[in-house]
Amino acid sequence: MLRSIVCILGLALLFQGCAVLKSEKTNQISNLTDQDKFSFDSLYIEAQKNIMLSNFITAKFQLERCMAINPFDGAVSYQLASIYFNQSDFNSAIYFAQKACDLDPKNVWYKLLMSNLYKQTKNFDKSILILLEIIKIDPKNIDRYIELSDLYLQQKNYKKAILIYDQIENKFGLI
């Protein structure tokens, strides 16, 4: 039973990982040999499996090998940042999240991780700036406005929090 669940979750992650992998690669991937592409994809999928199984040391090793093959893949940096974040190694997490954001500046998920890292480390100003960038990219997501107002409240900047609540009401109606 447990084996079946792990297999189903693994397949789901495999398809998700492949979709993320395919959508995140830059033109640099075209410079890779077929063997490098195969090695990269295999390592990335295995890393995703190991993340699911909480084998983070193995996953980090596999992701680092992916990075050695293709240092221009934002998904690898994002996954490394997520692992470091979950292990409370915030400096490493910020480094890799920033690298992912640099590789794909319009990726909302990368920016959201970066914002959460700054929030976790009490760097609210940077978290707010990133949330404002995310709102420009995805202005229809009410959750980002709520997160932004929460950050203003944490800073005791009640006027800005109220302005965000007014924006929420104007854009989305009463919540």
N, C-alpha and C. Protein backbone atom coordinates (compact mmCIF):
# COMPACT_ATOMS: atom_id res chain seq x y z
N MET A 1 0.83 -1.19 0.00
CA MET A 1 0.00 0.00 0.00
C MET A 1 0.87 1.25 0.00
N LEU A 2 1.82 1.32 0.96
CA LEU A 2 2.71 2.48 1.05
C LEU A 2 3.54 2.62 -0.22
N ARG A 3 3.99 1.49 -0.75
CA ARG A 3 4.79 1.51 -1.98
C ARG A 3 3.97 2.09 -3.14
N SER A 4 2.70 1.73 -3.21
CA SER A 4 1.83 2.25 -4.27
C SER A 4 1.65 3.76 -4.15
N ILE A 5 1.48 4.23 -2.93
CA ILE A 5 1.33 5.67 -2.71
C ILE A 5 2.59 6.41 -3.11
N VAL A 6 3.74 5.87 -2.71
CA VAL A 6 5.02 6.50 -3.07
C VAL A 6 5.19 6.52 -4.58
N CYS A 7 4.81 5.42 -5.25
CA CYS A 7 4.93 5.37 -6.71
C CYS A 7 4.02 6.41 -7.37
N ILE A 8 2.79 6.51 -6.90
CA ILE A 8 1.85 7.49 -7.47
C ILE A 8 2.37 8.90 -7.25
N LEU A 9 2.81 9.20 -6.02
CA LEU A 9 3.36 10.53 -5.74
C LEU A 9 4.60 10.79 -6.59
N GLY A 10 5.42 9.77 -6.75
CA GLY A 10 6.63 9.91 -7.56
C GLY A 10 6.30 10.24 -9.00
N LEU A 11 5.31 9.55 -9.56
CA LEU A 11 4.90 9.85 -10.93
C LEU A 11 4.34 11.25 -11.06
N ALA A 12 3.54 11.65 -10.08
CA ALA A 12 2.99 13.01 -10.12
C ALA A 12 4.11 14.03 -10.08
N LEU A 13 5.08 13.80 -9.21
CA LEU A 13 6.22 14.71 -9.11
C LEU A 13 7.06 14.67 -10.37
N LEU A 14 7.20 13.50 -10.95
CA LEU A 14 7.95 13.36 -12.18
C LEU A 14 7.36 14.24 -13.27
N PHE A 15 6.04 14.15 -13.44
CA PHE A 15 5.40 14.97 -14.47
C PHE A 15 5.50 16.45 -14.15
N GLN A 16 5.33 16.80 -12.88
CA GLN A 16 5.45 18.20 -12.48
C GLN A 16 6.88 18.67 -12.70
N GLY A 17 7.83 17.87 -12.26
CA GLY A 17 9.24 18.23 -12.40
C GLY A 17 9.63 18.41 -13.85
N CYS A 18 9.14 17.51 -14.70
CA CYS A 18 9.45 17.63 -16.12
C CYS A 18 8.85 18.90 -16.72
N ALA A 19 7.64 19.23 -16.32
CA ALA A 19 7.00 20.45 -16.83
C ALA A 19 7.76 21.68 -16.37
N VAL A 20 8.12 21.71 -15.08
CA VAL A 20 8.90 22.84 -14.57
C VAL A 20 10.24 22.90 -15.27
N LEU A 21 10.88 21.75 -15.38
CA LEU A 21 12.18 21.69 -16.01
C LEU A 21 12.13 22.20 -17.44
N LYS A 22 11.15 21.75 -18.20
CA LYS A 22 11.03 22.15 -19.59
C LYS A 22 10.75 23.65 -19.70
N SER A 23 9.90 24.18 -18.84
CA SER A 23 9.51 25.58 -18.96
C SER A 23 10.59 26.52 -18.43
N GLU A 24 11.48 26.03 -17.58
CA GLU A 24 12.45 26.91 -16.94
C GLU A 24 13.77 27.00 -17.68
N LYS A 25 14.05 26.09 -18.57
CA LYS A 25 15.36 26.07 -19.21
C LYS A 25 15.51 27.27 -20.14
N THR A 26 16.72 27.82 -20.14
CA THR A 26 17.02 28.93 -21.03
C THR A 26 17.65 28.40 -22.30
N ASN A 27 18.08 29.31 -23.15
CA ASN A 27 18.71 28.91 -24.40
C ASN A 27 20.03 28.17 -24.17
N GLN A 28 20.58 28.28 -22.97
CA GLN A 28 21.84 27.61 -22.67
C GLN A 28 21.71 26.09 -22.80
N ILE A 29 20.53 25.57 -22.61
CA ILE A 29 20.34 24.12 -22.67
C ILE A 29 20.64 23.59 -24.06
N SER A 30 20.47 24.40 -25.08
CA SER A 30 20.73 23.93 -26.44
C SER A 30 22.21 23.64 -26.66
N ASN A 31 23.07 24.15 -25.80
CA ASN A 31 24.51 23.89 -25.91
C ASN A 31 24.90 22.56 -25.30
N LEU A 32 23.99 21.90 -24.62
CA LEU A 32 24.30 20.64 -23.97
C LEU A 32 24.21 19.48 -24.95
N THR A 33 25.05 18.48 -24.72
CA THR A 33 24.97 17.27 -25.53
C THR A 33 23.74 16.49 -25.11
N ASP A 34 23.37 15.54 -25.94
CA ASP A 34 22.23 14.69 -25.59
C ASP A 34 22.50 13.93 -24.29
N GLN A 35 23.72 13.49 -24.10
CA GLN A 35 24.08 12.77 -22.87
C GLN A 35 23.95 13.69 -21.66
N ASP A 36 24.40 14.95 -21.80
CA ASP A 36 24.26 15.91 -20.70
C ASP A 36 22.79 16.18 -20.38
N LYS A 37 21.98 16.32 -21.41
CA LYS A 37 20.55 16.56 -21.20
C LYS A 37 19.92 15.38 -20.47
N PHE A 38 20.27 14.17 -20.89
CA PHE A 38 19.74 12.97 -20.26
C PHE A 38 20.20 12.89 -18.80
N SER A 39 21.48 13.15 -18.57
CA SER A 39 22.02 13.10 -17.20
C SER A 39 21.34 14.14 -16.33
N PHE A 40 21.18 15.34 -16.88
CA PHE A 40 20.53 16.42 -16.13
C PHE A 40 19.10 16.02 -15.75
N ASP A 41 18.34 15.58 -16.74
CA ASP A 41 16.94 15.21 -16.49
C ASP A 41 16.84 14.08 -15.47
N SER A 42 17.69 13.07 -15.61
CA SER A 42 17.67 11.94 -14.68
C SER A 42 18.01 12.38 -13.27
N LEU A 43 19.05 13.19 -13.14
CA LEU A 43 19.44 13.68 -11.82
C LEU A 43 18.35 14.55 -11.21
N TYR A 44 17.73 15.40 -12.02
CA TYR A 44 16.69 16.29 -11.52
C TYR A 44 15.49 15.49 -11.01
N ILE A 45 15.09 14.50 -11.77
CA ILE A 45 13.94 13.67 -11.37
C ILE A 45 14.27 12.90 -10.10
N GLU A 46 15.48 12.35 -10.03
CA GLU A 46 15.89 11.63 -8.82
C GLU A 46 15.94 12.58 -7.62
N ALA A 47 16.39 13.79 -7.84
CA ALA A 47 16.42 14.78 -6.75
C ALA A 47 15.01 15.08 -6.26
N GLN A 48 14.06 15.21 -7.18
CA GLN A 48 12.67 15.45 -6.79
C GLN A 48 12.14 14.28 -5.96
N LYS A 49 12.48 13.07 -6.39
CA LYS A 49 12.05 11.89 -5.64
C LYS A 49 12.65 11.92 -4.22
N ASN A 50 13.92 12.27 -4.13
CA ASN A 50 14.58 12.29 -2.82
C ASN A 50 14.04 13.42 -1.94
N ILE A 51 13.65 14.50 -2.52
CA ILE A 51 13.00 15.57 -1.74
C ILE A 51 11.69 15.04 -1.16
N MET A 52 10.92 14.35 -1.99
CA MET A 52 9.66 13.77 -1.52
C MET A 52 9.88 12.79 -0.37
N LEU A 53 10.98 12.07 -0.43
CA LEU A 53 11.28 11.06 0.59
C LEU A 53 12.07 11.65 1.76
N SER A 54 12.25 12.97 1.76
CA SER A 54 13.00 13.69 2.81
C SER A 54 14.47 13.29 2.87
N ASN A 55 15.01 12.83 1.76
CA ASN A 55 16.45 12.54 1.66
C ASN A 55 17.15 13.79 1.12
N PHE A 56 17.23 14.81 1.96
CA PHE A 56 17.68 16.12 1.49
C PHE A 56 19.17 16.16 1.16
N ILE A 57 19.97 15.40 1.86
CA ILE A 57 21.41 15.39 1.56
C ILE A 57 21.64 14.83 0.16
N THR A 58 20.98 13.73 -0.15
CA THR A 58 21.10 13.14 -1.48
C THR A 58 20.54 14.07 -2.54
N ALA A 59 19.39 14.68 -2.25
CA ALA A 59 18.77 15.61 -3.20
C ALA A 59 19.69 16.79 -3.49
N LYS A 60 20.30 17.34 -2.43
CA LYS A 60 21.23 18.47 -2.65
C LYS A 60 22.39 18.05 -3.54
N PHE A 61 22.95 16.87 -3.27
CA PHE A 61 24.06 16.38 -4.08
C PHE A 61 23.63 16.25 -5.54
N GLN A 62 22.45 15.69 -5.79
CA GLN A 62 21.97 15.52 -7.16
C GLN A 62 21.70 16.87 -7.82
N LEU A 63 21.14 17.80 -7.08
CA LEU A 63 20.88 19.13 -7.64
C LEU A 63 22.18 19.87 -7.93
N GLU A 64 23.18 19.70 -7.08
CA GLU A 64 24.48 20.32 -7.34
C GLU A 64 25.11 19.74 -8.60
N ARG A 65 24.92 18.44 -8.82
CA ARG A 65 25.41 17.83 -10.05
C ARG A 65 24.66 18.38 -11.26
N CYS A 66 23.34 18.60 -11.10
CA CYS A 66 22.56 19.24 -12.17
C CYS A 66 23.13 20.62 -12.48
N MET A 67 23.44 21.36 -11.42
CA MET A 67 23.97 22.71 -11.60
C MET A 67 25.32 22.68 -12.32
N ALA A 68 26.11 21.66 -12.05
CA ALA A 68 27.40 21.53 -12.74
C ALA A 68 27.19 21.29 -14.24
N ILE A 69 26.13 20.58 -14.58
CA ILE A 69 25.82 20.31 -15.99
C ILE A 69 25.25 21.55 -16.66
N ASN A 70 24.30 22.19 -15.98
CA ASN A 70 23.66 23.38 -16.55
C ASN A 70 23.44 24.42 -15.45
N PRO A 71 24.39 25.34 -15.28
CA PRO A 71 24.26 26.36 -14.22
C PRO A 71 23.21 27.42 -14.52
N PHE A 72 22.56 27.34 -15.68
CA PHE A 72 21.59 28.35 -16.07
C PHE A 72 20.14 27.91 -15.89
N ASP A 73 19.93 26.84 -15.15
CA ASP A 73 18.59 26.35 -14.93
C ASP A 73 18.05 26.88 -13.61
N GLY A 74 17.06 27.75 -13.69
CA GLY A 74 16.50 28.37 -12.49
C GLY A 74 15.80 27.39 -11.57
N ALA A 75 15.23 26.32 -12.13
CA ALA A 75 14.51 25.34 -11.31
C ALA A 75 15.45 24.66 -10.32
N VAL A 76 16.69 24.41 -10.73
CA VAL A 76 17.66 23.77 -9.85
C VAL A 76 17.98 24.71 -8.68
N SER A 77 18.24 25.96 -8.99
CA SER A 77 18.53 26.94 -7.93
C SER A 77 17.35 27.08 -6.99
N TYR A 78 16.15 27.10 -7.55
CA TYR A 78 14.94 27.20 -6.74
C TYR A 78 14.81 26.01 -5.79
N GLN A 79 15.03 24.81 -6.30
CA GLN A 79 14.93 23.62 -5.46
C GLN A 79 15.99 23.63 -4.35
N LEU A 80 17.20 24.04 -4.69
CA LEU A 80 18.25 24.13 -3.66
C LEU A 80 17.85 25.17 -2.61
N ALA A 81 17.34 26.31 -3.05
CA ALA A 81 16.91 27.34 -2.11
C ALA A 81 15.81 26.80 -1.19
N SER A 82 14.89 26.04 -1.75
CA SER A 82 13.80 25.48 -0.94
C SER A 82 14.33 24.51 0.11
N ILE A 83 15.30 23.69 -0.27
CA ILE A 83 15.88 22.75 0.69
C ILE A 83 16.58 23.51 1.81
N TYR A 84 17.40 24.49 1.44
CA TYR A 84 18.12 25.27 2.46
C TYR A 84 17.14 26.04 3.36
N PHE A 85 16.06 26.53 2.77
CA PHE A 85 15.05 27.23 3.56
C PHE A 85 14.44 26.28 4.60
N ASN A 86 14.09 25.10 4.17
CA ASN A 86 13.50 24.12 5.09
C ASN A 86 14.47 23.66 6.16
N GLN A 87 15.77 23.80 5.89
CA GLN A 87 16.79 23.44 6.87
C GLN A 87 17.25 24.66 7.69
N SER A 88 16.58 25.78 7.50
CA SER A 88 16.87 27.05 8.19
C SER A 88 18.27 27.59 7.92
N ASP A 89 18.83 27.24 6.77
CA ASP A 89 20.10 27.83 6.32
C ASP A 89 19.73 28.98 5.40
N PHE A 90 19.37 30.10 6.02
CA PHE A 90 18.78 31.21 5.27
C PHE A 90 19.76 31.91 4.33
N ASN A 91 21.04 31.98 4.71
CA ASN A 91 22.01 32.62 3.81
C ASN A 91 22.15 31.84 2.51
N SER A 92 22.26 30.52 2.61
CA SER A 92 22.34 29.71 1.39
C SER A 92 21.04 29.76 0.61
N ALA A 93 19.93 29.74 1.32
CA ALA A 93 18.63 29.79 0.65
C ALA A 93 18.47 31.10 -0.12
N ILE A 94 18.86 32.20 0.50
CA ILE A 94 18.76 33.50 -0.19
C ILE A 94 19.67 33.53 -1.41
N TYR A 95 20.87 32.98 -1.27
CA TYR A 95 21.81 32.95 -2.40
C TYR A 95 21.18 32.22 -3.60
N PHE A 96 20.65 31.02 -3.36
CA PHE A 96 20.10 30.25 -4.47
C PHE A 96 18.76 30.82 -4.96
N ALA A 97 17.96 31.37 -4.08
CA ALA A 97 16.71 32.00 -4.52
C ALA A 97 17.01 33.22 -5.40
N GLN A 98 18.01 33.99 -5.01
CA GLN A 98 18.39 35.14 -5.82
C GLN A 98 18.90 34.70 -7.18
N LYS A 99 19.67 33.63 -7.19
CA LYS A 99 20.18 33.10 -8.46
C LYS A 99 19.01 32.67 -9.35
N ALA A 100 18.02 31.98 -8.77
CA ALA A 100 16.85 31.57 -9.54
C ALA A 100 16.11 32.79 -10.09
N CYS A 101 15.94 33.82 -9.26
CA CYS A 101 15.26 35.04 -9.70
C CYS A 101 16.04 35.74 -10.80
N ASP A 102 17.36 35.73 -10.70
CA ASP A 102 18.18 36.35 -11.75
C ASP A 102 18.05 35.60 -13.07
N LEU A 103 17.94 34.29 -12.99
CA LEU A 103 17.83 33.47 -14.19
C LEU A 103 16.46 33.60 -14.85
N ASP A 104 15.43 33.84 -14.06
CA ASP A 104 14.06 33.96 -14.59
C ASP A 104 13.32 35.03 -13.79
N PRO A 105 13.55 36.31 -14.13
CA PRO A 105 13.03 37.42 -13.31
C PRO A 105 11.50 37.52 -13.26
N LYS A 106 10.79 36.88 -14.14
CA LYS A 106 9.33 36.98 -14.13
C LYS A 106 8.67 35.76 -13.49
N ASN A 107 9.46 34.87 -12.93
CA ASN A 107 8.89 33.68 -12.31
C ASN A 107 8.38 34.03 -10.92
N VAL A 108 7.07 33.99 -10.78
CA VAL A 108 6.42 34.38 -9.53
C VAL A 108 6.82 33.46 -8.38
N TRP A 109 6.96 32.17 -8.66
CA TRP A 109 7.29 31.21 -7.59
C TRP A 109 8.68 31.48 -7.02
N TYR A 110 9.62 31.82 -7.88
CA TYR A 110 10.97 32.13 -7.41
C TYR A 110 10.93 33.38 -6.53
N LYS A 111 10.20 34.39 -7.00
CA LYS A 111 10.10 35.63 -6.23
C LYS A 111 9.36 35.43 -4.92
N LEU A 112 8.36 34.59 -4.94
CA LEU A 112 7.60 34.32 -3.72
C LEU A 112 8.48 33.65 -2.67
N LEU A 113 9.31 32.72 -3.09
CA LEU A 113 10.26 32.09 -2.17
C LEU A 113 11.21 33.14 -1.61
N MET A 114 11.70 34.02 -2.46
CA MET A 114 12.61 35.07 -2.02
C MET A 114 11.92 35.98 -1.00
N SER A 115 10.69 36.35 -1.27
CA SER A 115 9.94 37.19 -0.34
C SER A 115 9.76 36.49 1.00
N ASN A 116 9.42 35.22 0.96
CA ASN A 116 9.24 34.46 2.19
C ASN A 116 10.54 34.33 2.99
N LEU A 117 11.64 34.19 2.28
CA LEU A 117 12.94 34.14 2.96
C LEU A 117 13.23 35.45 3.68
N TYR A 118 12.99 36.56 3.00
CA TYR A 118 13.22 37.86 3.63
C TYR A 118 12.27 38.08 4.81
N LYS A 119 11.04 37.62 4.65
CA LYS A 119 10.08 37.74 5.75
C LYS A 119 10.54 36.90 6.94
N GLN A 120 11.01 35.70 6.68
CA GLN A 120 11.47 34.81 7.74
C GLN A 120 12.67 35.39 8.49
N THR A 121 13.51 36.13 7.76
CA THR A 121 14.71 36.72 8.38
C THR A 121 14.45 38.15 8.85
N LYS A 122 13.18 38.53 8.90
CA LYS A 122 12.74 39.84 9.41
C LYS A 122 13.23 41.02 8.56
N ASN A 123 13.55 40.75 7.31
CA ASN A 123 13.92 41.82 6.39
C ASN A 123 12.66 42.21 5.61
N PHE A 124 11.75 42.87 6.32
CA PHE A 124 10.43 43.17 5.77
C PHE A 124 10.48 44.12 4.59
N ASP A 125 11.41 45.07 4.59
CA ASP A 125 11.49 46.01 3.47
C ASP A 125 11.75 45.29 2.15
N LYS A 126 12.70 44.36 2.17
CA LYS A 126 13.00 43.62 0.93
C LYS A 126 11.85 42.71 0.55
N SER A 127 11.22 42.11 1.54
CA SER A 127 10.07 41.24 1.26
C SER A 127 8.95 42.05 0.61
N ILE A 128 8.72 43.24 1.10
CA ILE A 128 7.69 44.12 0.53
C ILE A 128 8.02 44.48 -0.91
N LEU A 129 9.27 44.83 -1.17
CA LEU A 129 9.66 45.19 -2.55
C LEU A 129 9.41 44.03 -3.51
N ILE A 130 9.73 42.84 -3.07
CA ILE A 130 9.53 41.68 -3.94
C ILE A 130 8.04 41.41 -4.14
N LEU A 131 7.25 41.54 -3.07
CA LEU A 131 5.80 41.35 -3.23
C LEU A 131 5.22 42.38 -4.20
N LEU A 132 5.71 43.60 -4.16
CA LEU A 132 5.25 44.61 -5.12
C LEU A 132 5.60 44.20 -6.55
N GLU A 133 6.78 43.61 -6.75
CA GLU A 133 7.16 43.10 -8.08
C GLU A 133 6.21 41.98 -8.51
N ILE A 134 5.90 41.10 -7.57
CA ILE A 134 5.00 39.97 -7.88
C ILE A 134 3.62 40.49 -8.27
N ILE A 135 3.14 41.50 -7.56
CA ILE A 135 1.82 42.06 -7.86
C ILE A 135 1.81 42.69 -9.25
N LYS A 136 2.93 43.28 -9.68
CA LYS A 136 3.00 43.82 -11.05
C LYS A 136 2.91 42.69 -12.08
N ILE A 137 3.53 41.56 -11.77
CA ILE A 137 3.51 40.42 -12.69
C ILE A 137 2.14 39.74 -12.69
N ASP A 138 1.56 39.60 -11.49
CA ASP A 138 0.29 38.86 -11.33
C ASP A 138 -0.68 39.69 -10.48
N PRO A 139 -1.26 40.74 -11.08
CA PRO A 139 -2.10 41.66 -10.29
C PRO A 139 -3.45 41.09 -9.88
N LYS A 140 -3.81 39.91 -10.35
CA LYS A 140 -5.13 39.35 -10.03
C LYS A 140 -5.09 38.37 -8.88
N ASN A 141 -3.94 38.22 -8.24
CA ASN A 141 -3.83 37.26 -7.14
C ASN A 141 -4.01 37.98 -5.81
N ILE A 142 -5.16 37.81 -5.21
CA ILE A 142 -5.51 38.51 -3.97
C ILE A 142 -4.57 38.13 -2.81
N ASP A 143 -4.04 36.93 -2.85
CA ASP A 143 -3.17 36.47 -1.75
C ASP A 143 -1.95 37.36 -1.59
N ARG A 144 -1.40 37.84 -2.69
CA ARG A 144 -0.20 38.69 -2.60
C ARG A 144 -0.52 40.03 -1.93
N TYR A 145 -1.71 40.56 -2.20
CA TYR A 145 -2.13 41.81 -1.56
C TYR A 145 -2.28 41.60 -0.05
N ILE A 146 -2.86 40.47 0.31
CA ILE A 146 -3.06 40.18 1.74
C ILE A 146 -1.70 40.01 2.43
N GLU A 147 -0.78 39.30 1.78
CA GLU A 147 0.57 39.16 2.35
C GLU A 147 1.24 40.52 2.51
N LEU A 148 1.06 41.37 1.51
CA LEU A 148 1.66 42.71 1.56
C LEU A 148 1.08 43.51 2.72
N SER A 149 -0.23 43.48 2.88
CA SER A 149 -0.83 44.22 3.99
C SER A 149 -0.36 43.65 5.33
N ASP A 150 -0.20 42.33 5.43
CA ASP A 150 0.31 41.73 6.66
C ASP A 150 1.73 42.22 6.99
N LEU A 151 2.54 42.35 5.96
CA LEU A 151 3.89 42.85 6.19
C LEU A 151 3.87 44.30 6.68
N TYR A 152 3.00 45.10 6.08
CA TYR A 152 2.88 46.48 6.55
C TYR A 152 2.41 46.52 8.00
N LEU A 153 1.50 45.63 8.35
CA LEU A 153 1.04 45.56 9.75
C LEU A 153 2.17 45.15 10.68
N GLN A 154 3.01 44.22 10.25
CA GLN A 154 4.14 43.81 11.08
C GLN A 154 5.12 44.95 11.30
N GLN A 155 5.19 45.83 10.33
CA GLN A 155 6.05 47.01 10.46
C GLN A 155 5.34 48.15 11.20
N LYS A 156 4.10 47.93 11.57
CA LYS A 156 3.26 48.94 12.21
C LYS A 156 3.01 50.14 11.30
N ASN A 157 3.03 49.89 10.01
CA ASN A 157 2.73 50.91 9.02
C ASN A 157 1.25 50.75 8.64
N TYR A 158 0.41 51.23 9.54
CA TYR A 158 -1.03 51.01 9.41
C TYR A 158 -1.64 51.74 8.22
N LYS A 159 -1.10 52.89 7.89
CA LYS A 159 -1.65 53.64 6.75
C LYS A 159 -1.47 52.86 5.44
N LYS A 160 -0.29 52.29 5.24
CA LYS A 160 -0.07 51.52 4.01
C LYS A 160 -0.89 50.24 4.02
N ALA A 161 -1.04 49.63 5.17
CA ALA A 161 -1.86 48.42 5.27
C ALA A 161 -3.30 48.73 4.88
N ILE A 162 -3.82 49.85 5.36
CA ILE A 162 -5.19 50.25 5.04
C ILE A 162 -5.31 50.55 3.54
N LEU A 163 -4.29 51.18 2.96
CA LEU A 163 -4.31 51.44 1.52
C LEU A 163 -4.39 50.14 0.72
N ILE A 164 -3.65 49.13 1.18
CA ILE A 164 -3.69 47.83 0.49
C ILE A 164 -5.07 47.20 0.65
N TYR A 165 -5.64 47.30 1.85
CA TYR A 165 -7.01 46.78 2.05
C TYR A 165 -8.00 47.50 1.14
N ASP A 166 -7.81 48.81 0.96
CA ASP A 166 -8.68 49.56 0.04
C ASP A 166 -8.51 49.04 -1.39
N GLN A 167 -7.26 48.77 -1.78
CA GLN A 167 -7.01 48.21 -3.12
C GLN A 167 -7.70 46.85 -3.27
N ILE A 168 -7.62 46.05 -2.23
CA ILE A 168 -8.26 44.73 -2.27
C ILE A 168 -9.76 44.89 -2.48
N GLU A 169 -10.36 45.81 -1.72
CA GLU A 169 -11.80 46.03 -1.83
C GLU A 169 -12.17 46.53 -3.22
N ASN A 170 -11.37 47.46 -3.76
CA ASN A 170 -11.66 48.00 -5.09
C ASN A 170 -11.48 46.98 -6.19
N LYS A 171 -10.46 46.13 -6.10
CA LYS A 171 -10.18 45.16 -7.14
C LYS A 171 -11.01 43.89 -7.04
N PHE A 172 -11.23 43.45 -5.81
CA PHE A 172 -11.83 42.14 -5.61
C PHE A 172 -13.17 42.16 -4.89
N GLY A 173 -13.57 43.31 -4.39
CA GLY A 173 -14.78 43.39 -3.60
C GLY A 173 -14.47 43.07 -2.15
N LEU A 174 -15.49 42.99 -1.34
CA LEU A 174 -15.30 42.71 0.08
C LEU A 174 -14.85 41.26 0.25
N ILE A 175 -13.96 41.08 1.20
CA ILE A 175 -13.50 39.71 1.49
C ILE A 175 -13.97 39.25 2.84
